[in-house]
Amino acid sequence: MLVRKKRYAVIVTTYGEVEHVTVKNLWPSSRKILRAVTRQIVTIPEALICFIADYRSTRHYIKWKLNRYRSSLLAVNRAQTRHLSEALASSRSQFLLTIELTVTDAYYFVPPYLEEKLQELQEDYDGILIVPMIPVESAFSCGVACQMAIDVYGESMFGKVKVLSKLWDDEHLHRLYADYLFRSISEEIRQQRGGKIGLLLVIHGTLVKDRAGNEPTVFTGLAETTAFFEAMKQTIMADPENIFRDVRQGCINHSRGGEWTADTIEKALTEFKAEGYDGVVMFPWGFFADNSETEFDARKKLEEAAFPLSQYVRCINDTPEFCNWLSQRVLNALHSLHNLQGATEHLEAQQ
């Protein structure tokens, strides 16, 4: 008797940004952001959501058009998805021979939407692995994916859906990041080894206190962000290739909801300037893929700081080393989900 292979799907997901910049395309994305993320920390009436979203859409449209900016986030995520699929296909894992596997992409705020992809795959797949392409989890990042999975699967989620997490807490990623960073540094900056060169590690900031001055009731990922930064700083400063006098964190914050992380990009750049640094390298280590916050907003701040030497190092994106590392994390998570289901089915058969 032939035993049917279990079918699993891996969904590589992230926020998503509009590729073809029109106000009409930006409207639904902005509204979904406010409904899914902003309302977790600020109470916003439904009518006001539309007004704020439409205002933000118009503002982004004007700014991006004037600067001829076009987001690369979706293109990068699609490339990451493709290379992850190829890395898994070339794996020698015997486990993969026992299952059927599909690797696809989806997004929180632009099509194809994650919640619709989950609904589409629900009936035909035995298990789903969601891979949020953001290293530090919080209610604002992978928490959005978790909530969408709960909305679709309900109580059955915990036996059928797994969300990849704690990617930040992996020494292999720290080492991969450091190696990528050092080989990306320009020769001009590398020759300044005896000078004062600073490294600015960029990440999305998070809420520290709400508007009443209390600790937020949602999971912000603040402790994880701090631990991630300290681990990366230690790895970089101890490396024989290190040319940096100091490593500092630069957070990208929002302006609403309360008090956000104090170590901002602006603060770090101001301090580097006041301390007479000859140059600054910016690396968005808090993002796996370049997006408007990194390659447009953060990079623009570095350029405006006008150091004698400066360099923006792109996110890790779809580099082969990253995709190979991610494929191993995905493989381990799939194996874990498969084993959990097997154990549950065995217990049910015993009853």
C-alpha atoms as a PDB file:
ATOM      1  CA  MET A   1       0.000   0.000   0.000  1.00  0.00           C
ATOM      2  CA  LEU A   2       1.383   3.344  -1.057  1.00  0.00           C
ATOM      3  CA  VAL A   3       1.536   5.980   1.660  1.00  0.00           C
ATOM      4  CA  ARG A   4       0.659   9.477   0.490  1.00  0.00           C
ATOM      5  CA  LYS A   5       3.476  11.939   0.921  1.00  0.00           C
ATOM      6  CA  LYS A   6       2.597  14.868   3.106  1.00  0.00           C
ATOM      7  CA  ARG A   7       2.479  18.210   1.343  1.00  0.00           C
ATOM      8  CA  TYR A   8       4.125  21.252   2.880  1.00  0.00           C
ATOM      9  CA  ALA A   9       4.334  24.861   1.737  1.00  0.00           C
ATOM     10  CA  VAL A  10       6.971  27.415   2.677  1.00  0.00           C
ATOM     11  CA  ILE A  11       5.768  31.013   2.426  1.00  0.00           C
ATOM     12  CA  VAL A  12       8.531  33.626   2.309  1.00  0.00           C
ATOM     13  CA  THR A  13       6.879  36.814   3.511  1.00  0.00           C
ATOM     14  CA  THR A  14       7.555  40.405   4.457  1.00  0.00           C
ATOM     15  CA  TYR A  15       5.684  43.700   4.644  1.00  0.00           C
ATOM     16  CA  GLY A  16       5.788  44.388   0.935  1.00  0.00           C
ATOM     17  CA  GLU A  17       5.958  47.755  -0.782  1.00  0.00           C
ATOM     18  CA  VAL A  18       4.283  49.104  -3.890  1.00  0.00           C
ATOM     19  CA  GLU A  19       6.463  48.581  -6.963  1.00  0.00           C
ATOM     20  CA  HIS A  20       4.548  50.732  -9.446  1.00  0.00           C
ATOM     21  CA  VAL A  21       4.177  54.014  -7.607  1.00  0.00           C
ATOM     22  CA  THR A  22       0.758  55.572  -8.073  1.00  0.00           C
ATOM     23  CA  VAL A  23      -1.505  57.056  -5.417  1.00  0.00           C
ATOM     24  CA  LYS A  24      -4.141  54.465  -6.374  1.00  0.00           C
ATOM     25  CA  ASN A  25      -1.689  51.616  -5.687  1.00  0.00           C
ATOM     26  CA  LEU A  26      -0.456  53.177  -2.438  1.00  0.00           C
ATOM     27  CA  TRP A  27      -3.922  53.657  -0.880  1.00  0.00           C
ATOM     28  CA  PRO A  28      -4.796  50.022  -0.039  1.00  0.00           C
ATOM     29  CA  SER A  29      -1.274  49.333   1.211  1.00  0.00           C
ATOM     30  CA  SER A  30      -1.324  52.294   3.600  1.00  0.00           C
ATOM     31  CA  ARG A  31      -4.752  51.328   4.933  1.00  0.00           C
ATOM     32  CA  LYS A  32      -3.672  47.751   5.613  1.00  0.00           C
ATOM     33  CA  ILE A  33      -0.576  48.997   7.474  1.00  0.00           C
ATOM     34  CA  LEU A  34      -2.698  51.155   9.755  1.00  0.00           C
ATOM     35  CA  ARG A  35      -5.212  48.381  10.412  1.00  0.00           C
ATOM     36  CA  ALA A  36      -2.617  45.665  11.060  1.00  0.00           C
ATOM     37  CA  VAL A  37       0.199  47.519  12.827  1.00  0.00           C
ATOM     38  CA  THR A  38      -0.519  51.077  13.905  1.00  0.00           C
ATOM     39  CA  ARG A  39      -3.808  50.200  15.632  1.00  0.00           C
ATOM     40  CA  GLN A  40      -1.889  47.900  17.984  1.00  0.00           C
ATOM     41  CA  ILE A  41      -0.421  50.941  19.727  1.00  0.00           C
ATOM     42  CA  VAL A  42      -2.842  53.768  18.900  1.00  0.00           C
ATOM     43  CA  THR A  43      -6.659  53.676  18.810  1.00  0.00           C
ATOM     44  CA  ILE A  44      -7.734  54.982  15.412  1.00  0.00           C
ATOM     45  CA  PRO A  45     -11.375  55.267  14.273  1.00  0.00           C
ATOM     46  CA  GLU A  46     -12.096  53.578  10.950  1.00  0.00           C
ATOM     47  CA  ALA A  47     -12.966  56.859   9.233  1.00  0.00           C
ATOM     48  CA  LEU A  48      -9.675  58.374  10.366  1.00  0.00           C
ATOM     49  CA  ILE A  49      -7.740  55.377   9.043  1.00  0.00           C
ATOM     50  CA  CYS A  50      -8.802  56.200   5.496  1.00  0.00           C
ATOM     51  CA  PHE A  51      -7.898  59.866   5.926  1.00  0.00           C
ATOM     52  CA  ILE A  52      -4.443  59.168   7.423  1.00  0.00           C
ATOM     53  CA  ALA A  53      -3.695  56.406   4.909  1.00  0.00           C
ATOM     54  CA  ASP A  54      -4.640  58.571   1.949  1.00  0.00           C
ATOM     55  CA  TYR A  55      -2.518  61.438   3.286  1.00  0.00           C
ATOM     56  CA  ARG A  56       0.480  59.119   3.740  1.00  0.00           C
ATOM     57  CA  SER A  57      -0.025  57.671   0.281  1.00  0.00           C
ATOM     58  CA  THR A  58       0.012  61.106  -1.317  1.00  0.00           C
ATOM     59  CA  ARG A  59       3.094  62.119   0.666  1.00  0.00           C
ATOM     60  CA  HIS A  60       4.984  58.952  -0.311  1.00  0.00           C
ATOM     61  CA  TYR A  61       3.932  59.352  -3.937  1.00  0.00           C
ATOM     62  CA  ILE A  62       5.299  62.898  -4.112  1.00  0.00           C
ATOM     63  CA  LYS A  63       8.535  62.073  -2.275  1.00  0.00           C
ATOM     64  CA  TRP A  64       9.294  58.920  -4.268  1.00  0.00           C
ATOM     65  CA  LYS A  65       8.398  60.504  -7.591  1.00  0.00           C
ATOM     66  CA  LEU A  66      10.521  63.594  -6.966  1.00  0.00           C
ATOM     67  CA  ASN A  67      13.484  61.377  -6.072  1.00  0.00           C
ATOM     68  CA  ARG A  68      12.731  58.855  -8.844  1.00  0.00           C
ATOM     69  CA  TYR A  69      12.696  56.106  -6.228  1.00  0.00           C
ATOM     70  CA  ARG A  70      11.249  52.673  -6.878  1.00  0.00           C
ATOM     71  CA  SER A  71      11.195  50.063  -4.129  1.00  0.00           C
ATOM     72  CA  SER A  72      13.269  46.926  -4.703  1.00  0.00           C
ATOM     73  CA  LEU A  73      11.716  45.004  -1.797  1.00  0.00           C
ATOM     74  CA  LEU A  74       9.392  42.738  -3.787  1.00  0.00           C
ATOM     75  CA  ALA A  75      12.025  41.993  -6.417  1.00  0.00           C
ATOM     76  CA  VAL A  76      14.492  41.031  -3.684  1.00  0.00           C
ATOM     77  CA  ASN A  77      11.935  38.891  -1.831  1.00  0.00           C
ATOM     78  CA  ARG A  78      11.022  37.065  -5.031  1.00  0.00           C
ATOM     79  CA  ALA A  79      14.721  36.401  -5.668  1.00  0.00           C
ATOM     80  CA  GLN A  80      15.150  35.172  -2.089  1.00  0.00           C
ATOM     81  CA  THR A  81      12.177  32.859  -2.564  1.00  0.00           C
ATOM     82  CA  ARG A  82      13.560  31.466  -5.804  1.00  0.00           C
ATOM     83  CA  HIS A  83      17.056  30.917  -4.403  1.00  0.00           C
ATOM     84  CA  LEU A  84      15.683  29.357  -1.224  1.00  0.00           C
ATOM     85  CA  SER A  85      13.688  26.924  -3.350  1.00  0.00           C
ATOM     86  CA  GLU A  86      16.804  26.079  -5.361  1.00  0.00           C
ATOM     87  CA  ALA A  87      18.882  25.598  -2.196  1.00  0.00           C
ATOM     88  CA  LEU A  88      16.280  23.239  -0.748  1.00  0.00           C
ATOM     89  CA  ALA A  89      15.997  21.330  -4.034  1.00  0.00           C
ATOM     90  CA  SER A  90      19.751  20.786  -4.098  1.00  0.00           C
ATOM     91  CA  SER A  91      19.824  19.641  -0.490  1.00  0.00           C
ATOM     92  CA  ARG A  92      20.883  16.063   0.189  1.00  0.00           C
ATOM     93  CA  SER A  93      18.380  15.759   3.016  1.00  0.00           C
ATOM     94  CA  GLN A  94      16.643  12.383   2.998  1.00  0.00           C
ATOM     95  CA  PHE A  95      13.694  14.014   4.742  1.00  0.00           C
ATOM     96  CA  LEU A  96      12.839  16.037   1.630  1.00  0.00           C
ATOM     97  CA  LEU A  97      12.441  12.795  -0.312  1.00  0.00           C
ATOM     98  CA  THR A  98       9.563  11.824   1.988  1.00  0.00           C
ATOM     99  CA  ILE A  99       7.445  14.960   1.442  1.00  0.00           C
ATOM    100  CA  GLU A 100       6.170  17.213  -1.335  1.00  0.00           C
ATOM    101  CA  LEU A 101       7.339  20.810  -0.970  1.00  0.00           C
ATOM    102  CA  THR A 102       6.217  24.117  -2.467  1.00  0.00           C
ATOM    103  CA  VAL A 103       8.064  27.392  -1.879  1.00  0.00           C
ATOM    104  CA  THR A 104       6.182  30.612  -2.614  1.00  0.00           C
ATOM    105  CA  ASP A 105       6.037  34.277  -1.612  1.00  0.00           C
ATOM    106  CA  ALA A 106       3.341  36.502  -0.087  1.00  0.00           C
ATOM    107  CA  TYR A 107       3.129  39.890   1.622  1.00  0.00           C
ATOM    108  CA  TYR A 108       1.347  41.620   4.482  1.00  0.00           C
ATOM    109  CA  PHE A 109       0.392  44.823   2.689  1.00  0.00           C
ATOM    110  CA  VAL A 110       0.553  44.254  -1.079  1.00  0.00           C
ATOM    111  CA  PRO A 111      -0.624  41.388  -3.330  1.00  0.00           C
ATOM    112  CA  PRO A 112      -0.289  38.474  -3.183  1.00  0.00           C
ATOM    113  CA  TYR A 113      -1.557  38.925   0.374  1.00  0.00           C
ATOM    114  CA  LEU A 114      -0.404  36.496   3.044  1.00  0.00           C
ATOM    115  CA  GLU A 115      -3.887  35.863   4.458  1.00  0.00           C
ATOM    116  CA  GLU A 116      -5.207  35.037   0.979  1.00  0.00           C
ATOM    117  CA  LYS A 117      -2.265  32.721   0.300  1.00  0.00           C
ATOM    118  CA  LEU A 118      -2.946  30.892   3.574  1.00  0.00           C
ATOM    119  CA  GLN A 119      -6.587  30.437   2.627  1.00  0.00           C
ATOM    120  CA  GLU A 120      -5.601  29.215  -0.827  1.00  0.00           C
ATOM    121  CA  LEU A 121      -3.197  26.578   0.537  1.00  0.00           C
ATOM    122  CA  GLN A 122      -5.243  25.522   3.566  1.00  0.00           C
ATOM    123  CA  GLU A 123      -7.137  22.606   2.035  1.00  0.00           C
ATOM    124  CA  ASP A 124      -4.390  21.106  -0.122  1.00  0.00           C
ATOM    125  CA  TYR A 125      -1.423  21.187   2.258  1.00  0.00           C
ATOM    126  CA  ASP A 126      -0.740  19.276   5.447  1.00  0.00           C
ATOM    127  CA  GLY A 127       1.465  21.994   6.886  1.00  0.00           C
ATOM    128  CA  ILE A 128       2.622  25.549   6.290  1.00  0.00           C
ATOM    129  CA  LEU A 129       5.915  27.143   7.305  1.00  0.00           C
ATOM    130  CA  ILE A 130       5.819  30.940   7.324  1.00  0.00           C
ATOM    131  CA  VAL A 131       9.233  32.585   6.947  1.00  0.00           C
ATOM    132  CA  PRO A 132       9.074  36.300   7.910  1.00  0.00           C
ATOM    133  CA  MET A 133      12.112  37.965   6.333  1.00  0.00           C
ATOM    134  CA  ILE A 134      12.832  40.152   9.346  1.00  0.00           C
ATOM    135  CA  PRO A 135      15.417  38.870  11.848  1.00  0.00           C
ATOM    136  CA  VAL A 136      13.879  40.210  15.078  1.00  0.00           C
ATOM    137  CA  GLU A 137      10.334  39.161  15.885  1.00  0.00           C
ATOM    138  CA  SER A 138       7.768  41.494  17.457  1.00  0.00           C
ATOM    139  CA  ALA A 139       4.051  42.181  17.332  1.00  0.00           C
ATOM    140  CA  PHE A 140       4.792  44.591  14.474  1.00  0.00           C
ATOM    141  CA  SER A 141       6.815  42.139  12.346  1.00  0.00           C
ATOM    142  CA  CYS A 142       6.278  38.378  12.481  1.00  0.00           C
ATOM    143  CA  GLY A 143       3.401  39.003  14.892  1.00  0.00           C
ATOM    144  CA  VAL A 144       1.380  40.173  11.895  1.00  0.00           C
ATOM    145  CA  ALA A 145       2.004  36.817  10.213  1.00  0.00           C
ATOM    146  CA  CYS A 146       1.027  34.939  13.388  1.00  0.00           C
ATOM    147  CA  GLN A 147      -2.247  36.838  13.646  1.00  0.00           C
ATOM    148  CA  MET A 148      -3.090  36.189   9.997  1.00  0.00           C
ATOM    149  CA  ALA A 149      -2.418  32.463  10.498  1.00  0.00           C
ATOM    150  CA  ILE A 150      -4.674  32.393  13.563  1.00  0.00           C
ATOM    151  CA  ASP A 151      -7.409  34.223  11.642  1.00  0.00           C
ATOM    152  CA  VAL A 152      -7.321  31.599   8.876  1.00  0.00           C
ATOM    153  CA  TYR A 153      -6.613  28.378  10.797  1.00  0.00           C
ATOM    154  CA  GLY A 154      -8.122  29.102  14.190  1.00  0.00           C
ATOM    155  CA  GLU A 155      -7.366  26.452  16.819  1.00  0.00           C
ATOM    156  CA  SER A 156      -5.891  24.082  14.230  1.00  0.00           C
ATOM    157  CA  MET A 157      -3.047  26.539  13.531  1.00  0.00           C
ATOM    158  CA  PHE A 158      -0.683  25.074  16.116  1.00  0.00           C
ATOM    159  CA  GLY A 159      -0.741  21.660  14.484  1.00  0.00           C
ATOM    160  CA  LYS A 160      -0.528  22.875  10.902  1.00  0.00           C
ATOM    161  CA  VAL A 161       1.342  26.177  10.833  1.00  0.00           C
ATOM    162  CA  LYS A 162       4.799  27.067  12.095  1.00  0.00           C
ATOM    163  CA  VAL A 163       6.281  30.575  11.990  1.00  0.00           C
ATOM    164  CA  LEU A 164      10.060  30.693  11.759  1.00  0.00           C
ATOM    165  CA  SER A 165      11.458  32.784  14.610  1.00  0.00           C
ATOM    166  CA  LYS A 166      14.584  33.651  16.612  1.00  0.00           C
ATOM    167  CA  LEU A 167      16.629  34.079  13.441  1.00  0.00           C
ATOM    168  CA  TRP A 168      18.501  36.898  15.192  1.00  0.00           C
ATOM    169  CA  ASP A 169      19.731  34.492  17.878  1.00  0.00           C
ATOM    170  CA  ASP A 170      21.945  32.417  15.609  1.00  0.00           C
ATOM    171  CA  GLU A 171      25.738  32.639  15.693  1.00  0.00           C
ATOM    172  CA  HIS A 172      25.881  31.406  12.095  1.00  0.00           C
ATOM    173  CA  LEU A 173      23.903  34.476  11.011  1.00  0.00           C
ATOM    174  CA  HIS A 174      26.196  36.780  13.008  1.00  0.00           C
ATOM    175  CA  ARG A 175      29.242  35.270  11.297  1.00  0.00           C
ATOM    176  CA  LEU A 176      27.577  35.400   7.880  1.00  0.00           C
ATOM    177  CA  TYR A 177      26.715  39.070   8.405  1.00  0.00           C
ATOM    178  CA  ALA A 178      30.259  39.959   9.473  1.00  0.00           C
ATOM    179  CA  ASP A 179      31.859  38.168   6.507  1.00  0.00           C
ATOM    180  CA  TYR A 180      29.441  39.840   4.098  1.00  0.00           C
ATOM    181  CA  LEU A 181      30.069  43.266   5.618  1.00  0.00           C
ATOM    182  CA  PHE A 182      33.863  43.063   5.500  1.00  0.00           C
ATOM    183  CA  ARG A 183      34.010  41.887   1.906  1.00  0.00           C
ATOM    184  CA  SER A 184      31.594  44.690   0.894  1.00  0.00           C
ATOM    185  CA  ILE A 185      33.694  47.549   2.266  1.00  0.00           C
ATOM    186  CA  SER A 186      35.130  49.728  -0.474  1.00  0.00           C
ATOM    187  CA  GLU A 187      38.876  49.843  -1.056  1.00  0.00           C
ATOM    188  CA  GLU A 188      38.886  53.591  -0.372  1.00  0.00           C
ATOM    189  CA  ILE A 189      37.530  53.069   3.139  1.00  0.00           C
ATOM    190  CA  ARG A 190      39.592  49.945   3.701  1.00  0.00           C
ATOM    191  CA  GLN A 191      42.765  51.985   3.132  1.00  0.00           C
ATOM    192  CA  GLN A 192      41.798  54.235   6.059  1.00  0.00           C
ATOM    193  CA  ARG A 193      42.478  51.470   8.564  1.00  0.00           C
ATOM    194  CA  GLY A 194      44.398  53.835  10.844  1.00  0.00           C
ATOM    195  CA  GLY A 195      41.714  56.545  10.691  1.00  0.00           C
ATOM    196  CA  LYS A 196      38.500  56.924  12.625  1.00  0.00           C
ATOM    197  CA  ILE A 197      35.908  54.913  10.729  1.00  0.00           C
ATOM    198  CA  GLY A 198      32.563  54.208  12.377  1.00  0.00           C
ATOM    199  CA  LEU A 199      30.003  51.527  11.623  1.00  0.00           C
ATOM    200  CA  LEU A 200      26.299  52.331  11.889  1.00  0.00           C
ATOM    201  CA  LEU A 201      24.053  49.267  12.122  1.00  0.00           C
ATOM    202  CA  VAL A 202      20.527  50.203  11.092  1.00  0.00           C
ATOM    203  CA  ILE A 203      17.409  48.471  12.385  1.00  0.00           C
ATOM    204  CA  HIS A 204      13.761  49.365  12.796  1.00  0.00           C
ATOM    205  CA  GLY A 205      13.219  50.900  16.209  1.00  0.00           C
ATOM    206  CA  THR A 206      10.468  49.857  18.556  1.00  0.00           C
ATOM    207  CA  LEU A 207       8.172  51.264  21.198  1.00  0.00           C
ATOM    208  CA  VAL A 208       9.719  51.666  24.668  1.00  0.00           C
ATOM    209  CA  LYS A 209       6.830  53.372  26.503  1.00  0.00           C
ATOM    210  CA  ASP A 210       3.264  54.097  25.467  1.00  0.00           C
ATOM    211  CA  ARG A 211       1.763  57.572  25.468  1.00  0.00           C
ATOM    212  CA  ALA A 212       0.923  57.238  29.163  1.00  0.00           C
ATOM    213  CA  GLY A 213       4.546  56.444  29.986  1.00  0.00           C
ATOM    214  CA  ASN A 214       3.889  52.761  30.664  1.00  0.00           C
ATOM    215  CA  GLU A 215       5.494  49.669  29.192  1.00  0.00           C
ATOM    216  CA  PRO A 216       3.671  48.668  25.992  1.00  0.00           C
ATOM    217  CA  THR A 217       1.130  45.879  26.329  1.00  0.00           C
ATOM    218  CA  VAL A 218       2.242  44.363  23.011  1.00  0.00           C
ATOM    219  CA  PHE A 219       5.442  42.380  22.445  1.00  0.00           C
ATOM    220  CA  THR A 220       7.913  44.924  21.040  1.00  0.00           C
ATOM    221  CA  GLY A 221      11.081  42.851  20.638  1.00  0.00           C
ATOM    222  CA  LEU A 222      13.137  45.482  22.476  1.00  0.00           C
ATOM    223  CA  ALA A 223      15.209  43.020  24.522  1.00  0.00           C
ATOM    224  CA  GLU A 224      15.818  40.897  21.423  1.00  0.00           C
ATOM    225  CA  THR A 225      16.914  43.941  19.411  1.00  0.00           C
ATOM    226  CA  THR A 226      19.384  44.929  22.131  1.00  0.00           C
ATOM    227  CA  ALA A 227      20.798  41.399  22.414  1.00  0.00           C
ATOM    228  CA  PHE A 228      21.108  41.133  18.627  1.00  0.00           C
ATOM    229  CA  PHE A 229      23.039  44.387  18.431  1.00  0.00           C
ATOM    230  CA  GLU A 230      25.414  43.435  21.238  1.00  0.00           C
ATOM    231  CA  ALA A 231      26.122  40.060  19.602  1.00  0.00           C
ATOM    232  CA  MET A 232      26.803  41.650  16.227  1.00  0.00           C
ATOM    233  CA  LYS A 233      29.007  44.376  17.697  1.00  0.00           C
ATOM    234  CA  GLN A 234      31.086  41.808  19.555  1.00  0.00           C
ATOM    235  CA  THR A 235      31.465  39.657  16.434  1.00  0.00           C
ATOM    236  CA  ILE A 236      32.535  42.607  14.279  1.00  0.00           C
ATOM    237  CA  MET A 237      34.927  44.239  16.755  1.00  0.00           C
ATOM    238  CA  ALA A 238      36.683  40.914  17.444  1.00  0.00           C
ATOM    239  CA  ASP A 239      37.198  40.120  13.758  1.00  0.00           C
ATOM    240  CA  PRO A 240      40.798  40.335  12.408  1.00  0.00           C
ATOM    241  CA  GLU A 241      39.409  42.231   9.393  1.00  0.00           C
ATOM    242  CA  ASN A 242      37.819  44.911  11.557  1.00  0.00           C
ATOM    243  CA  ILE A 243      38.629  48.515  10.575  1.00  0.00           C
ATOM    244  CA  PHE A 244      35.997  50.222  12.739  1.00  0.00           C
ATOM    245  CA  ARG A 245      36.824  52.365  15.766  1.00  0.00           C
ATOM    246  CA  ASP A 246      33.277  51.861  17.085  1.00  0.00           C
ATOM    247  CA  VAL A 247      29.961  50.237  16.161  1.00  0.00           C
ATOM    248  CA  ARG A 248      26.690  51.992  16.957  1.00  0.00           C
ATOM    249  CA  GLN A 249      23.028  51.264  16.477  1.00  0.00           C
ATOM    250  CA  GLY A 250      20.784  53.484  14.374  1.00  0.00           C
ATOM    251  CA  CYS A 251      17.062  52.964  14.801  1.00  0.00           C
ATOM    252  CA  ILE A 252      14.339  53.965  12.364  1.00  0.00           C
ATOM    253  CA  ASN A 253      11.426  55.150  14.497  1.00  0.00           C
ATOM    254  CA  HIS A 254       7.838  56.223  14.014  1.00  0.00           C
ATOM    255  CA  SER A 255       6.480  59.457  15.463  1.00  0.00           C
ATOM    256  CA  ARG A 256       3.276  58.165  17.071  1.00  0.00           C
ATOM    257  CA  GLY A 257       2.304  55.879  19.921  1.00  0.00           C
ATOM    258  CA  GLY A 258       4.710  56.991  22.650  1.00  0.00           C
ATOM    259  CA  GLU A 259       8.455  56.868  23.294  1.00  0.00           C
ATOM    260  CA  TRP A 260      10.560  54.973  20.758  1.00  0.00           C
ATOM    261  CA  THR A 261      14.131  53.660  20.955  1.00  0.00           C
ATOM    262  CA  ALA A 262      16.582  56.468  21.666  1.00  0.00           C
ATOM    263  CA  ASP A 263      19.549  55.249  19.591  1.00  0.00           C
ATOM    264  CA  THR A 264      18.453  56.741  16.293  1.00  0.00           C
ATOM    265  CA  ILE A 265      20.328  57.110  13.017  1.00  0.00           C
ATOM    266  CA  GLU A 266      20.389  60.883  13.503  1.00  0.00           C
ATOM    267  CA  LYS A 267      21.876  60.576  16.997  1.00  0.00           C
ATOM    268  CA  ALA A 268      24.641  58.197  15.876  1.00  0.00           C
ATOM    269  CA  LEU A 269      25.593  60.349  12.887  1.00  0.00           C
ATOM    270  CA  THR A 270      25.676  63.483  15.045  1.00  0.00           C
ATOM    271  CA  GLU A 271      27.929  61.757  17.598  1.00  0.00           C
ATOM    272  CA  PHE A 272      30.281  60.422  14.929  1.00  0.00           C
ATOM    273  CA  LYS A 273      30.547  63.930  13.476  1.00  0.00           C
ATOM    274  CA  ALA A 274      31.163  65.562  16.870  1.00  0.00           C
ATOM    275  CA  GLU A 275      33.878  63.006  17.665  1.00  0.00           C
ATOM    276  CA  GLY A 276      35.780  63.758  14.475  1.00  0.00           C
ATOM    277  CA  TYR A 277      35.223  60.515  12.573  1.00  0.00           C
ATOM    278  CA  ASP A 278      36.727  60.444   9.096  1.00  0.00           C
ATOM    279  CA  GLY A 279      34.083  58.157   7.670  1.00  0.00           C
ATOM    280  CA  VAL A 280      30.976  56.078   8.389  1.00  0.00           C
ATOM    281  CA  VAL A 281      29.782  52.816   6.915  1.00  0.00           C
ATOM    282  CA  MET A 282      26.048  52.140   7.166  1.00  0.00           C
ATOM    283  CA  PHE A 283      24.750  48.563   7.124  1.00  0.00           C
ATOM    284  CA  PRO A 284      21.028  47.751   7.677  1.00  0.00           C
ATOM    285  CA  TRP A 285      21.580  44.550   9.615  1.00  0.00           C
ATOM    286  CA  GLY A 286      18.040  44.658  11.005  1.00  0.00           C
ATOM    287  CA  PHE A 287      16.557  43.915   7.571  1.00  0.00           C
ATOM    288  CA  PHE A 288      17.068  40.945   5.268  1.00  0.00           C
ATOM    289  CA  ALA A 289      16.026  42.932   2.184  1.00  0.00           C
ATOM    290  CA  ASP A 290      16.480  46.506   1.045  1.00  0.00           C
ATOM    291  CA  ASN A 291      13.353  48.650   1.160  1.00  0.00           C
ATOM    292  CA  SER A 292      12.308  52.293   1.239  1.00  0.00           C
ATOM    293  CA  GLU A 293      13.357  52.669   4.881  1.00  0.00           C
ATOM    294  CA  THR A 294      16.889  51.419   4.223  1.00  0.00           C
ATOM    295  CA  GLU A 295      17.966  52.244   0.679  1.00  0.00           C
ATOM    296  CA  PHE A 296      15.998  55.508   0.525  1.00  0.00           C
ATOM    297  CA  ASP A 297      15.389  57.072   3.977  1.00  0.00           C
ATOM    298  CA  ALA A 298      18.425  55.782   5.928  1.00  0.00           C
ATOM    299  CA  ARG A 299      20.822  56.116   3.016  1.00  0.00           C
ATOM    300  CA  LYS A 300      19.673  59.685   2.397  1.00  0.00           C
ATOM    301  CA  LYS A 301      20.483  60.592   6.019  1.00  0.00           C
ATOM    302  CA  LEU A 302      23.991  59.187   5.601  1.00  0.00           C
ATOM    303  CA  GLU A 303      24.532  61.211   2.437  1.00  0.00           C
ATOM    304  CA  GLU A 304      23.212  64.397   4.061  1.00  0.00           C
ATOM    305  CA  ALA A 305      25.631  63.938   6.994  1.00  0.00           C
ATOM    306  CA  ALA A 306      28.413  64.628   4.441  1.00  0.00           C
ATOM    307  CA  PHE A 307      31.316  62.738   6.011  1.00  0.00           C
ATOM    308  CA  PRO A 308      34.589  62.864   4.023  1.00  0.00           C
ATOM    309  CA  LEU A 309      34.106  59.128   3.472  1.00  0.00           C
ATOM    310  CA  SER A 310      30.879  57.168   3.633  1.00  0.00           C
ATOM    311  CA  GLN A 311      29.445  53.951   2.261  1.00  0.00           C
ATOM    312  CA  TYR A 312      26.051  52.309   2.299  1.00  0.00           C
ATOM    313  CA  VAL A 313      26.321  48.499   2.317  1.00  0.00           C
ATOM    314  CA  ARG A 314      23.171  46.903   0.969  1.00  0.00           C
ATOM    315  CA  CYS A 315      21.154  44.429   3.010  1.00  0.00           C
ATOM    316  CA  ILE A 316      22.114  40.774   2.832  1.00  0.00           C
ATOM    317  CA  ASN A 317      19.354  40.356   0.189  1.00  0.00           C
ATOM    318  CA  ASP A 318      19.645  37.180  -1.928  1.00  0.00           C
ATOM    319  CA  THR A 319      23.352  36.424  -1.483  1.00  0.00           C
ATOM    320  CA  PRO A 320      24.051  32.677  -1.869  1.00  0.00           C
ATOM    321  CA  GLU A 321      25.487  32.349   1.640  1.00  0.00           C
ATOM    322  CA  PHE A 322      22.342  33.823   3.172  1.00  0.00           C
ATOM    323  CA  CYS A 323      19.977  31.658   1.136  1.00  0.00           C
ATOM    324  CA  ASN A 324      21.969  28.536   2.015  1.00  0.00           C
ATOM    325  CA  TRP A 325      21.864  29.412   5.711  1.00  0.00           C
ATOM    326  CA  LEU A 326      18.134  30.134   5.517  1.00  0.00           C
ATOM    327  CA  SER A 327      17.477  26.844   3.719  1.00  0.00           C
ATOM    328  CA  GLN A 328      18.977  24.955   6.658  1.00  0.00           C
ATOM    329  CA  ARG A 329      16.803  26.856   9.128  1.00  0.00           C
ATOM    330  CA  VAL A 330      13.766  26.134   6.960  1.00  0.00           C
ATOM    331  CA  LEU A 331      14.662  22.467   6.676  1.00  0.00           C
ATOM    332  CA  ASN A 332      15.027  22.139  10.450  1.00  0.00           C
ATOM    333  CA  ALA A 333      11.677  23.852  11.017  1.00  0.00           C
ATOM    334  CA  LEU A 334       9.893  21.631   8.466  1.00  0.00           C
ATOM    335  CA  HIS A 335      11.348  18.557  10.127  1.00  0.00           C
ATOM    336  CA  SER A 336      10.157  19.806  13.506  1.00  0.00           C
ATOM    337  CA  LEU A 337       6.624  20.441  12.207  1.00  0.00           C
ATOM    338  CA  HIS A 338       6.535  17.013  10.553  1.00  0.00           C
ATOM    339  CA  ASN A 339       7.658  15.303  13.766  1.00  0.00           C
ATOM    340  CA  LEU A 340       5.081  17.196  15.822  1.00  0.00           C
ATOM    341  CA  GLN A 341       2.314  16.121  13.478  1.00  0.00           C
ATOM    342  CA  GLY A 342       3.527  12.528  13.557  1.00  0.00           C
ATOM    343  CA  ALA A 343       3.556  12.482  17.352  1.00  0.00           C
ATOM    344  CA  THR A 344       0.064  13.997  17.496  1.00  0.00           C
ATOM    345  CA  GLU A 345      -1.295  11.487  14.994  1.00  0.00           C
ATOM    346  CA  HIS A 346       0.266   8.624  16.961  1.00  0.00           C
ATOM    347  CA  LEU A 347      -1.358   9.786  20.202  1.00  0.00           C
ATOM    348  CA  GLU A 348      -4.738  10.167  18.492  1.00  0.00           C
ATOM    349  CA  ALA A 349      -4.452   6.643  17.087  1.00  0.00           C
ATOM    350  CA  GLN A 350      -3.814   5.282  20.602  1.00  0.00           C
ATOM    351  CA  GLN A 351      -7.021   6.780  21.975  1.00  0.00           C
END
